[in-house]
Amino acid sequence: MNKPESDTNVLKFPTSRIINPHNINSEQLDAAKERSVRNFADQVLQEMTHNMMMDFNEVGLDTSRPEFNKDFHYLVVVLEALIARTLDIEHPMHQMIDEEVTFTIED
């Protein structure tokens, strides 16, 4: 019996070379996904705050004052909460924001 032509043109990968040493369960996979999302959020925050600090310096703001550093840190924490909420990550600042900030959209 002749094999179909399509089977004769296919080289099969040697099964002895297929190695899967890690059996990852769903909890491990979920934890890895969460770490990945958190790492992404941290990278976004770091890039944004770096750019903001450069912009503040370029326009001549005195970024060496203790008051500036305190205010900037607060801004960074709020920005971190914003990024976290956008990515469905819990952040301690969310509760305060939800309690203290309200707005309505009017036509």
C-alpha atoms as a PDB file:
ATOM      1  CA  MET A   1       0.000   0.000   0.000  1.00  0.00           C
ATOM      2  CA  ASN A   2       1.412   3.376  -1.004  1.00  0.00           C
ATOM      3  CA  LYS A   3       1.516   6.261   1.465  1.00  0.00           C
ATOM      4  CA  PRO A   4      -0.048   9.534   0.405  1.00  0.00           C
ATOM      5  CA  GLU A   5       2.502  11.919  -1.019  1.00  0.00           C
ATOM      6  CA  SER A   6       1.969  14.467   1.799  1.00  0.00           C
ATOM      7  CA  ASP A   7       3.135  11.930   4.436  1.00  0.00           C
ATOM      8  CA  THR A   8       6.323  11.116   2.594  1.00  0.00           C
ATOM      9  CA  ASN A   9       7.407  14.775   2.560  1.00  0.00           C
ATOM     10  CA  VAL A  10       7.086  15.272   6.318  1.00  0.00           C
ATOM     11  CA  LEU A  11      10.062  14.753   8.579  1.00  0.00           C
ATOM     12  CA  LYS A  12       8.990  13.837  12.075  1.00  0.00           C
ATOM     13  CA  PHE A  13      10.829  15.293  15.018  1.00  0.00           C
ATOM     14  CA  PRO A  14      12.439  12.565  17.094  1.00  0.00           C
ATOM     15  CA  THR A  15      10.224  11.935  20.101  1.00  0.00           C
ATOM     16  CA  SER A  16      13.264  11.087  22.223  1.00  0.00           C
ATOM     17  CA  ARG A  17      14.304  14.764  21.967  1.00  0.00           C
ATOM     18  CA  ILE A  18      11.050  16.148  23.361  1.00  0.00           C
ATOM     19  CA  ILE A  19      11.715  17.025  26.964  1.00  0.00           C
ATOM     20  CA  ASN A  20       9.184  18.623  29.280  1.00  0.00           C
ATOM     21  CA  PRO A  21      10.797  18.586  32.711  1.00  0.00           C
ATOM     22  CA  HIS A  22       8.308  20.973  34.333  1.00  0.00           C
ATOM     23  CA  ASN A  23       4.723  20.154  34.978  1.00  0.00           C
ATOM     24  CA  ILE A  24       3.244  23.509  35.897  1.00  0.00           C
ATOM     25  CA  ASN A  25      -0.063  23.498  37.718  1.00  0.00           C
ATOM     26  CA  SER A  26      -2.639  26.251  37.348  1.00  0.00           C
ATOM     27  CA  GLU A  27      -1.657  27.937  40.642  1.00  0.00           C
ATOM     28  CA  GLN A  28       1.934  28.262  39.495  1.00  0.00           C
ATOM     29  CA  LEU A  29       0.811  29.569  36.127  1.00  0.00           C
ATOM     30  CA  ASP A  30      -1.488  32.142  37.763  1.00  0.00           C
ATOM     31  CA  ALA A  31       1.319  33.249  40.074  1.00  0.00           C
ATOM     32  CA  ALA A  32       3.688  33.614  37.117  1.00  0.00           C
ATOM     33  CA  LYS A  33       1.107  35.671  35.213  1.00  0.00           C
ATOM     34  CA  GLU A  34       0.567  37.917  38.249  1.00  0.00           C
ATOM     35  CA  ARG A  35       4.325  38.458  38.635  1.00  0.00           C
ATOM     36  CA  SER A  36       4.544  39.306  34.954  1.00  0.00           C
ATOM     37  CA  VAL A  37       1.744  41.878  35.173  1.00  0.00           C
ATOM     38  CA  ARG A  38       3.271  43.415  38.313  1.00  0.00           C
ATOM     39  CA  ASN A  39       6.682  43.612  36.627  1.00  0.00           C
ATOM     40  CA  PHE A  40       5.074  45.336  33.646  1.00  0.00           C
ATOM     41  CA  ALA A  41       3.346  47.814  35.965  1.00  0.00           C
ATOM     42  CA  ASP A  42       6.635  48.532  37.740  1.00  0.00           C
ATOM     43  CA  GLN A  43       8.414  49.130  34.431  1.00  0.00           C
ATOM     44  CA  VAL A  44       5.700  51.512  33.226  1.00  0.00           C
ATOM     45  CA  LEU A  45       5.813  53.415  36.519  1.00  0.00           C
ATOM     46  CA  GLN A  46       9.591  53.656  36.484  1.00  0.00           C
ATOM     47  CA  GLU A  47       9.670  54.985  32.927  1.00  0.00           C
ATOM     48  CA  MET A  48       6.888  57.505  33.553  1.00  0.00           C
ATOM     49  CA  THR A  49       8.394  58.858  36.774  1.00  0.00           C
ATOM     50  CA  HIS A  50      11.835  59.125  35.219  1.00  0.00           C
ATOM     51  CA  ASN A  51      10.389  61.115  32.311  1.00  0.00           C
ATOM     52  CA  MET A  52       8.394  63.359  34.664  1.00  0.00           C
ATOM     53  CA  MET A  53      11.477  64.119  36.741  1.00  0.00           C
ATOM     54  CA  MET A  54      13.415  65.004  33.594  1.00  0.00           C
ATOM     55  CA  ASP A  55      10.553  67.257  32.455  1.00  0.00           C
ATOM     56  CA  PHE A  56      10.426  69.009  35.842  1.00  0.00           C
ATOM     57  CA  ASN A  57      14.160  69.677  35.642  1.00  0.00           C
ATOM     58  CA  GLU A  58      13.933  70.910  32.047  1.00  0.00           C
ATOM     59  CA  VAL A  59      11.323  73.538  32.922  1.00  0.00           C
ATOM     60  CA  GLY A  60      13.469  74.768  35.804  1.00  0.00           C
ATOM     61  CA  LEU A  61      11.676  73.396  38.849  1.00  0.00           C
ATOM     62  CA  ASP A  62      13.855  72.960  41.927  1.00  0.00           C
ATOM     63  CA  THR A  63      13.654  69.211  42.427  1.00  0.00           C
ATOM     64  CA  SER A  64      16.163  69.204  45.278  1.00  0.00           C
ATOM     65  CA  ARG A  65      13.808  70.722  47.860  1.00  0.00           C
ATOM     66  CA  PRO A  66      12.474  68.307  50.519  1.00  0.00           C
ATOM     67  CA  GLU A  67       8.930  69.516  49.875  1.00  0.00           C
ATOM     68  CA  PHE A  68       9.256  68.679  46.194  1.00  0.00           C
ATOM     69  CA  ASN A  69      10.486  65.172  46.998  1.00  0.00           C
ATOM     70  CA  LYS A  70       7.617  64.585  49.404  1.00  0.00           C
ATOM     71  CA  ASP A  71       5.019  65.820  46.904  1.00  0.00           C
ATOM     72  CA  PHE A  72       6.633  63.897  44.059  1.00  0.00           C
ATOM     73  CA  HIS A  73       6.606  60.703  46.100  1.00  0.00           C
ATOM     74  CA  TYR A  74       2.888  61.174  46.737  1.00  0.00           C
ATOM     75  CA  LEU A  75       2.345  61.698  43.004  1.00  0.00           C
ATOM     76  CA  VAL A  76       4.264  58.479  42.273  1.00  0.00           C
ATOM     77  CA  VAL A  77       2.119  56.481  44.722  1.00  0.00           C
ATOM     78  CA  VAL A  78      -1.081  57.816  43.129  1.00  0.00           C
ATOM     79  CA  LEU A  79       0.286  57.056  39.651  1.00  0.00           C
ATOM     80  CA  GLU A  80       1.190  53.560  40.846  1.00  0.00           C
ATOM     81  CA  ALA A  81      -2.399  53.084  42.072  1.00  0.00           C
ATOM     82  CA  LEU A  82      -3.744  54.304  38.721  1.00  0.00           C
ATOM     83  CA  ILE A  83      -1.582  51.849  36.764  1.00  0.00           C
ATOM     84  CA  ALA A  84      -2.460  49.036  39.182  1.00  0.00           C
ATOM     85  CA  ARG A  85      -6.205  49.632  38.888  1.00  0.00           C
ATOM     86  CA  THR A  86      -5.931  49.719  35.094  1.00  0.00           C
ATOM     87  CA  LEU A  87      -4.241  46.301  35.206  1.00  0.00           C
ATOM     88  CA  ASP A  88      -6.665  44.881  37.829  1.00  0.00           C
ATOM     89  CA  ILE A  89      -4.018  44.790  40.561  1.00  0.00           C
ATOM     90  CA  GLU A  90      -4.981  45.638  44.146  1.00  0.00           C
ATOM     91  CA  HIS A  91      -3.261  48.690  45.630  1.00  0.00           C
ATOM     92  CA  PRO A  92      -3.599  50.122  49.165  1.00  0.00           C
ATOM     93  CA  MET A  93      -4.330  53.605  47.789  1.00  0.00           C
ATOM     94  CA  HIS A  94      -7.504  52.467  46.001  1.00  0.00           C
ATOM     95  CA  GLN A  95      -9.637  52.531  49.133  1.00  0.00           C
ATOM     96  CA  MET A  96      -8.622  56.087  50.017  1.00  0.00           C
ATOM     97  CA  ILE A  97      -9.198  57.275  46.458  1.00  0.00           C
ATOM     98  CA  ASP A  98     -12.621  55.618  46.341  1.00  0.00           C
ATOM     99  CA  GLU A  99     -13.619  57.221  49.649  1.00  0.00           C
ATOM    100  CA  GLU A 100     -12.233  60.688  48.992  1.00  0.00           C
ATOM    101  CA  VAL A 101     -12.763  61.285  45.269  1.00  0.00           C
ATOM    102  CA  THR A 102     -16.141  61.569  43.605  1.00  0.00           C
ATOM    103  CA  PHE A 103     -17.128  63.072  40.306  1.00  0.00           C
ATOM    104  CA  THR A 104     -20.100  63.213  38.031  1.00  0.00           C
ATOM    105  CA  ILE A 105     -20.293  63.625  34.303  1.00  0.00           C
ATOM    106  CA  GLU A 106     -22.781  66.233  33.229  1.00  0.00           C
ATOM    107  CA  ASP A 107     -24.073  66.742  29.716  1.00  0.00           C
END
